[in-house]
PDB file of all heavy atoms in Angstrom:
ATOM      1  N   GLY A   1     102.223-180.450  -0.833  1.00  0.00           N
ATOM      2  CA  GLY A   1     101.518-179.201  -1.120  1.00  0.00           C
ATOM      3  C   GLY A   1     102.340-178.003  -0.663  1.00  0.00           C
ATOM      4  O   GLY A   1     103.542-178.122  -0.446  1.00  0.00           O
ATOM      5  N   PRO A   2     101.674-176.858  -0.492  1.00  0.00           N
ATOM      6  CA  PRO A   2     100.248-176.647  -0.748  1.00  0.00           C
ATOM      7  C   PRO A   2     100.003-176.295  -2.216  1.00  0.00           C
ATOM      8  O   PRO A   2     100.815-175.626  -2.851  1.00  0.00           O
ATOM      9  CB  PRO A   2      99.917-175.459   0.160  1.00  0.00           C
ATOM     10  CG  PRO A   2     101.197-174.666   0.219  1.00  0.00           C
ATOM     11  CD  PRO A   2     102.307-175.683   0.146  1.00  0.00           C
ATOM     12  N   ILE A   3      98.868-176.762  -2.730  1.00  0.00           N
ATOM     13  CA  ILE A   3      98.457-176.390  -4.089  1.00  0.00           C
ATOM     14  C   ILE A   3      96.961-176.054  -4.056  1.00  0.00           C
ATOM     15  O   ILE A   3      96.208-176.632  -3.277  1.00  0.00           O
ATOM     16  CB  ILE A   3      98.738-177.498  -5.120  1.00  0.00           C
ATOM     17  CG1 ILE A   3      98.031-178.804  -4.752  1.00  0.00           C
ATOM     18  CG2 ILE A   3     100.244-177.711  -5.275  1.00  0.00           C
ATOM     19  CD1 ILE A   3      98.098-179.865  -5.843  1.00  0.00           C
ATOM     20  N   PRO A   4      96.522-175.134  -4.912  1.00  0.00           N
ATOM     21  CA  PRO A   4      95.114-174.696  -4.861  1.00  0.00           C
ATOM     22  C   PRO A   4      94.131-175.780  -5.273  1.00  0.00           C
ATOM     23  O   PRO A   4      92.965-175.747  -4.855  1.00  0.00           O
ATOM     24  CB  PRO A   4      95.073-173.501  -5.816  1.00  0.00           C
ATOM     25  CG  PRO A   4      96.270-173.656  -6.703  1.00  0.00           C
ATOM     26  CD  PRO A   4      97.301-174.336  -5.868  1.00  0.00           C
ATOM     27  N   GLU A   5      94.577-176.740  -6.076  1.00  0.00           N
ATOM     28  CA  GLU A   5      93.669-177.776  -6.557  1.00  0.00           C
ATOM     29  C   GLU A   5      93.264-178.770  -5.464  1.00  0.00           C
ATOM     30  O   GLU A   5      92.187-179.365  -5.542  1.00  0.00           O
ATOM     31  CB  GLU A   5      94.303-178.553  -7.725  1.00  0.00           C
ATOM     32  CG  GLU A   5      94.601-177.723  -8.949  1.00  0.00           C
ATOM     33  CD  GLU A   5      95.966-177.055  -8.908  1.00  0.00           C
ATOM     34  OE1 GLU A   5      96.607-177.024  -7.828  1.00  0.00           O
ATOM     35  OE2 GLU A   5      96.396-176.549  -9.960  1.00  0.00           O
ATOM     36  N   GLU A   6      94.124-178.983  -4.460  1.00  0.00           N
ATOM     37  CA  GLU A   6      93.862-180.041  -3.482  1.00  0.00           C
ATOM     38  C   GLU A   6      93.860-179.582  -2.025  1.00  0.00           C
ATOM     39  O   GLU A   6      93.026-180.023  -1.235  1.00  0.00           O
ATOM     40  CB  GLU A   6      94.897-181.169  -3.636  1.00  0.00           C
ATOM     41  CG  GLU A   6      94.939-181.817  -5.012  1.00  0.00           C
ATOM     42  CD  GLU A   6      93.622-182.477  -5.400  1.00  0.00           C
ATOM     43  OE1 GLU A   6      92.881-182.936  -4.504  1.00  0.00           O
ATOM     44  OE2 GLU A   6      93.329-182.541  -6.602  1.00  0.00           O
ATOM     45  N   THR A   7      94.785-178.726  -1.645  1.00  0.00           N
ATOM     46  CA  THR A   7      94.946-178.411  -0.222  1.00  0.00           C
ATOM     47  C   THR A   7      93.718-177.753   0.409  1.00  0.00           C
ATOM     48  O   THR A   7      93.306-178.158   1.506  1.00  0.00           O
ATOM     49  CB  THR A   7      96.206-177.560   0.010  1.00  0.00           C
ATOM     50  OG1 THR A   7      97.314-178.153  -0.685  1.00  0.00           O
ATOM     51  CG2 THR A   7      96.527-177.466   1.487  1.00  0.00           C
ATOM     52  N   PRO A   8      93.072-176.761  -0.239  1.00  0.00           N
ATOM     53  CA  PRO A   8      91.868-176.203   0.386  1.00  0.00           C
ATOM     54  C   PRO A   8      90.772-177.254   0.595  1.00  0.00           C
ATOM     55  O   PRO A   8      90.071-177.223   1.614  1.00  0.00           O
ATOM     56  CB  PRO A   8      91.434-175.117  -0.596  1.00  0.00           C
ATOM     57  CG  PRO A   8      92.701-174.707  -1.281  1.00  0.00           C
ATOM     58  CD  PRO A   8      93.471-175.985  -1.428  1.00  0.00           C
ATOM     59  N   TRP A   9      90.635-178.172  -0.342  1.00  0.00           N
ATOM     60  CA  TRP A   9      89.656-179.248  -0.180  1.00  0.00           C
ATOM     61  C   TRP A   9      90.021-180.115   1.023  1.00  0.00           C
ATOM     62  O   TRP A   9      89.145-180.490   1.814  1.00  0.00           O
ATOM     63  CB  TRP A   9      89.604-180.106  -1.447  1.00  0.00           C
ATOM     64  CG  TRP A   9      88.661-181.261  -1.332  1.00  0.00           C
ATOM     65  CD1 TRP A   9      87.309-181.259  -1.553  1.00  0.00           C
ATOM     66  CD2 TRP A   9      89.003-182.598  -0.926  1.00  0.00           C
ATOM     67  NE1 TRP A   9      86.786-182.514  -1.317  1.00  0.00           N
ATOM     68  CE2 TRP A   9      87.800-183.353  -0.927  1.00  0.00           C
ATOM     69  CE3 TRP A   9      90.190-183.229  -0.573  1.00  0.00           C
ATOM     70  CZ2 TRP A   9      87.768-184.709  -0.588  1.00  0.00           C
ATOM     71  CZ3 TRP A   9      90.162-184.575  -0.236  1.00  0.00           C
ATOM     72  CH2 TRP A   9      88.960-185.299  -0.242  1.00  0.00           C
ATOM     73  N   VAL A  10      91.302-180.439   1.187  1.00  0.00           N
ATOM     74  CA  VAL A  10      91.743-181.220   2.348  1.00  0.00           C
ATOM     75  C   VAL A  10      91.387-180.479   3.636  1.00  0.00           C
ATOM     76  O   VAL A  10      90.875-181.080   4.594  1.00  0.00           O
ATOM     77  CB  VAL A  10      93.263-181.489   2.291  1.00  0.00           C
ATOM     78  CG1 VAL A  10      93.773-182.047   3.621  1.00  0.00           C
ATOM     79  CG2 VAL A  10      93.593-182.452   1.159  1.00  0.00           C
ATOM     80  N   LEU A  11      91.632-179.180   3.671  1.00  0.00           N
ATOM     81  CA  LEU A  11      91.319-178.398   4.871  1.00  0.00           C
ATOM     82  C   LEU A  11      89.827-178.447   5.191  1.00  0.00           C
ATOM     83  O   LEU A  11      89.442-178.507   6.364  1.00  0.00           O
ATOM     84  CB  LEU A  11      91.782-176.955   4.677  1.00  0.00           C
ATOM     85  CG  LEU A  11      93.294-176.745   4.561  1.00  0.00           C
ATOM     86  CD1 LEU A  11      93.609-175.295   4.236  1.00  0.00           C
ATOM     87  CD2 LEU A  11      94.020-177.185   5.826  1.00  0.00           C
ATOM     88  N   GLU A  12      88.984-178.456   4.170  1.00  0.00           N
ATOM     89  CA  GLU A  12      87.535-178.556   4.392  1.00  0.00           C
ATOM     90  C   GLU A  12      87.166-179.906   5.013  1.00  0.00           C
ATOM     91  O   GLU A  12      86.344-179.970   5.933  1.00  0.00           O
ATOM     92  CB  GLU A  12      86.794-178.382   3.067  1.00  0.00           C
ATOM     93  CG  GLU A  12      86.840-176.975   2.511  1.00  0.00           C
ATOM     94  CD  GLU A  12      86.225-176.900   1.124  1.00  0.00           C
ATOM     95  OE1 GLU A  12      85.697-177.939   0.644  1.00  0.00           O
ATOM     96  OE2 GLU A  12      86.281-175.816   0.516  1.00  0.00           O
ATOM     97  N   GLN A  13      87.786-180.975   4.525  1.00  0.00           N
ATOM     98  CA  GLN A  13      87.489-182.306   5.071  1.00  0.00           C
ATOM     99  C   GLN A  13      87.932-182.402   6.527  1.00  0.00           C
ATOM    100  O   GLN A  13      87.207-182.930   7.385  1.00  0.00           O
ATOM    101  CB  GLN A  13      88.197-183.398   4.246  1.00  0.00           C
ATOM    102  CG  GLN A  13      87.932-183.356   2.758  1.00  0.00           C
ATOM    103  CD  GLN A  13      86.467-183.251   2.419  1.00  0.00           C
ATOM    104  OE1 GLN A  13      85.660-184.082   2.852  1.00  0.00           O
ATOM    105  NE2 GLN A  13      86.094-182.223   1.669  1.00  0.00           N
ATOM    106  N   LEU A  14      89.097-181.882   6.832  1.00  0.00           N
ATOM    107  CA  LEU A  14      89.602-181.926   8.196  1.00  0.00           C
ATOM    108  C   LEU A  14      88.720-181.119   9.141  1.00  0.00           C
ATOM    109  O   LEU A  14      88.462-181.536  10.276  1.00  0.00           O
ATOM    110  CB  LEU A  14      91.040-181.405   8.237  1.00  0.00           C
ATOM    111  CG  LEU A  14      92.087-182.219   7.452  1.00  0.00           C
ATOM    112  CD1 LEU A  14      93.437-181.515   7.489  1.00  0.00           C
ATOM    113  CD2 LEU A  14      92.211-183.636   7.992  1.00  0.00           C
ATOM    114  N   ALA A  15      88.249-179.979   8.655  1.00  0.00           N
ATOM    115  CA  ALA A  15      87.428-179.114   9.507  1.00  0.00           C
ATOM    116  C   ALA A  15      86.133-179.799   9.924  1.00  0.00           C
ATOM    117  O   ALA A  15      85.619-179.558  11.028  1.00  0.00           O
ATOM    118  CB  ALA A  15      87.127-177.807   8.774  1.00  0.00           C
ATOM    119  N   GLU A  16      85.602-180.662   9.076  1.00  0.00           N
ATOM    120  CA  GLU A  16      84.350-181.359   9.403  1.00  0.00           C
ATOM    121  C   GLU A  16      84.480-182.229  10.649  1.00  0.00           C
ATOM    122  O   GLU A  16      83.502-182.494  11.341  1.00  0.00           O
ATOM    123  CB  GLU A  16      83.902-182.220   8.221  1.00  0.00           C
ATOM    124  CG  GLU A  16      83.261-181.437   7.092  1.00  0.00           C
ATOM    125  CD  GLU A  16      82.528-182.352   6.133  1.00  0.00           C
ATOM    126  OE1 GLU A  16      82.003-183.393   6.581  1.00  0.00           O
ATOM    127  OE2 GLU A  16      82.494-182.017   4.943  1.00  0.00           O
ATOM    128  N   TYR A  17      85.708-182.680  10.935  1.00  0.00           N
ATOM    129  CA  TYR A  17      85.927-183.594  12.059  1.00  0.00           C
ATOM    130  C   TYR A  17      86.817-182.970  13.129  1.00  0.00           C
ATOM    131  O   TYR A  17      87.299-183.676  14.020  1.00  0.00           O
ATOM    132  CB  TYR A  17      86.551-184.897  11.544  1.00  0.00           C
ATOM    133  CG  TYR A  17      85.607-185.652  10.642  1.00  0.00           C
ATOM    134  CD1 TYR A  17      85.607-185.418   9.270  1.00  0.00           C
ATOM    135  CD2 TYR A  17      84.687-186.553  11.156  1.00  0.00           C
ATOM    136  CE1 TYR A  17      84.723-186.091   8.430  1.00  0.00           C
ATOM    137  CE2 TYR A  17      83.798-187.225  10.339  1.00  0.00           C
ATOM    138  CZ  TYR A  17      83.819-186.984   8.985  1.00  0.00           C
ATOM    139  OH  TYR A  17      82.930-187.640   8.155  1.00  0.00           O
ATOM    140  N   ASP A  18      87.031-181.657  13.022  1.00  0.00           N
ATOM    141  CA  ASP A  18      87.936-180.964  13.940  1.00  0.00           C
ATOM    142  C   ASP A  18      89.274-181.705  14.005  1.00  0.00           C
ATOM    143  O   ASP A  18      89.871-181.860  15.078  1.00  0.00           O
ATOM    144  CB  ASP A  18      87.321-180.840  15.334  1.00  0.00           C
ATOM    145  CG  ASP A  18      88.084-179.858  16.217  1.00  0.00           C
ATOM    146  OD1 ASP A  18      88.713-178.938  15.662  1.00  0.00           O
ATOM    147  OD2 ASP A  18      88.087-180.032  17.447  1.00  0.00           O
ATOM    148  N   ALA A  19      89.730-182.192  12.861  1.00  0.00           N
ATOM    149  CA  ALA A  19      90.976-182.963  12.772  1.00  0.00           C
ATOM    150  C   ALA A  19      92.130-182.018  12.470  1.00  0.00           C
ATOM    151  O   ALA A  19      92.025-181.165  11.584  1.00  0.00           O
ATOM    152  CB  ALA A  19      90.856-184.017  11.677  1.00  0.00           C
ATOM    153  N   LYS A  20      93.215-182.167  13.201  1.00  0.00           N
ATOM    154  CA  LYS A  20      94.401-181.369  12.971  1.00  0.00           C
ATOM    155  C   LYS A  20      95.454-182.221  12.262  1.00  0.00           C
ATOM    156  O   LYS A  20      95.512-183.448  12.427  1.00  0.00           O
ATOM    157  CB  LYS A  20      94.972-180.832  14.284  1.00  0.00           C
ATOM    158  CG  LYS A  20      93.978-180.000  15.092  1.00  0.00           C
ATOM    159  CD  LYS A  20      93.375-178.870  14.271  1.00  0.00           C
ATOM    160  CE  LYS A  20      92.337-178.084  15.072  1.00  0.00           C
ATOM    161  NZ  LYS A  20      91.605-177.128  14.232  1.00  0.00           N
ATOM    162  N   ALA A  21      96.301-181.574  11.456  1.00  0.00           N
ATOM    163  CA  ALA A  21      97.275-182.308  10.664  1.00  0.00           C
ATOM    164  C   ALA A  21      98.551-181.496  10.528  1.00  0.00           C
ATOM    165  O   ALA A  21      98.586-180.291  10.791  1.00  0.00           O
ATOM    166  CB  ALA A  21      96.702-182.629   9.285  1.00  0.00           C
ATOM    167  N   LEU A  22      99.586-182.189  10.106  1.00  0.00           N
ATOM    168  CA  LEU A  22     100.891-181.584   9.823  1.00  0.00           C
ATOM    169  C   LEU A  22     101.129-181.697   8.318  1.00  0.00           C
ATOM    170  O   LEU A  22     101.139-182.802   7.772  1.00  0.00           O
ATOM    171  CB  LEU A  22     101.977-182.316  10.614  1.00  0.00           C
ATOM    172  CG  LEU A  22     103.444-182.002  10.354  1.00  0.00           C
ATOM    173  CD1 LEU A  22     103.738-180.513  10.453  1.00  0.00           C
ATOM    174  CD2 LEU A  22     104.322-182.781  11.330  1.00  0.00           C
ATOM    175  N   PHE A  23     101.295-180.554   7.671  1.00  0.00           N
ATOM    176  CA  PHE A  23     101.498-180.508   6.227  1.00  0.00           C
ATOM    177  C   PHE A  23     102.988-180.336   5.930  1.00  0.00           C
ATOM    178  O   PHE A  23     103.578-179.316   6.286  1.00  0.00           O
ATOM    179  CB  PHE A  23     100.717-179.348   5.615  1.00  0.00           C
ATOM    180  CG  PHE A  23      99.229-179.563   5.600  1.00  0.00           C
ATOM    181  CD1 PHE A  23      98.462-179.324   6.738  1.00  0.00           C
ATOM    182  CD2 PHE A  23      98.582-180.006   4.453  1.00  0.00           C
ATOM    183  CE1 PHE A  23      97.084-179.514   6.724  1.00  0.00           C
ATOM    184  CE2 PHE A  23      97.211-180.208   4.427  1.00  0.00           C
ATOM    185  CZ  PHE A  23      96.457-179.971   5.569  1.00  0.00           C
ATOM    186  N   PHE A  24     103.588-181.341   5.286  1.00  0.00           N
ATOM    187  CA  PHE A  24     104.984-181.245   4.875  1.00  0.00           C
ATOM    188  C   PHE A  24     105.022-180.610   3.493  1.00  0.00           C
ATOM    189  O   PHE A  24     104.649-181.216   2.493  1.00  0.00           O
ATOM    190  CB  PHE A  24     105.641-182.623   4.892  1.00  0.00           C
ATOM    191  CG  PHE A  24     105.975-183.075   6.286  1.00  0.00           C
ATOM    192  CD1 PHE A  24     105.141-183.940   6.969  1.00  0.00           C
ATOM    193  CD2 PHE A  24     107.101-182.596   6.926  1.00  0.00           C
ATOM    194  CE1 PHE A  24     105.429-184.333   8.264  1.00  0.00           C
ATOM    195  CE2 PHE A  24     107.410-182.978   8.229  1.00  0.00           C
ATOM    196  CZ  PHE A  24     106.570-183.845   8.887  1.00  0.00           C
ATOM    197  N   CYS A  25     105.482-179.369   3.471  1.00  0.00           N
ATOM    198  CA  CYS A  25     105.346-178.520   2.290  1.00  0.00           C
ATOM    199  C   CYS A  25     106.626-178.482   1.462  1.00  0.00           C
ATOM    200  O   CYS A  25     107.734-178.411   2.004  1.00  0.00           O
ATOM    201  CB  CYS A  25     105.005-177.094   2.727  1.00  0.00           C
ATOM    202  SG  CYS A  25     103.499-176.970   3.713  1.00  0.00           S
ATOM    203  N   VAL A  26     106.455-178.489   0.161  1.00  0.00           N
ATOM    204  CA  VAL A  26     107.546-178.224  -0.770  1.00  0.00           C
ATOM    205  C   VAL A  26     107.709-176.709  -0.866  1.00  0.00           C
ATOM    206  O   VAL A  26     106.738-175.977  -1.096  1.00  0.00           O
ATOM    207  CB  VAL A  26     107.239-178.843  -2.142  1.00  0.00           C
ATOM    208  CG1 VAL A  26     108.279-178.430  -3.168  1.00  0.00           C
ATOM    209  CG2 VAL A  26     107.168-180.368  -2.032  1.00  0.00           C
TER     210      VAL A  26
END
């Protein structure tokens, strides 16, 4: 990513569990 079709949705899922992640971006 990041792309508008998927990345914001991923961020919403992570926020539900207070999960942090590392995004390897193109």
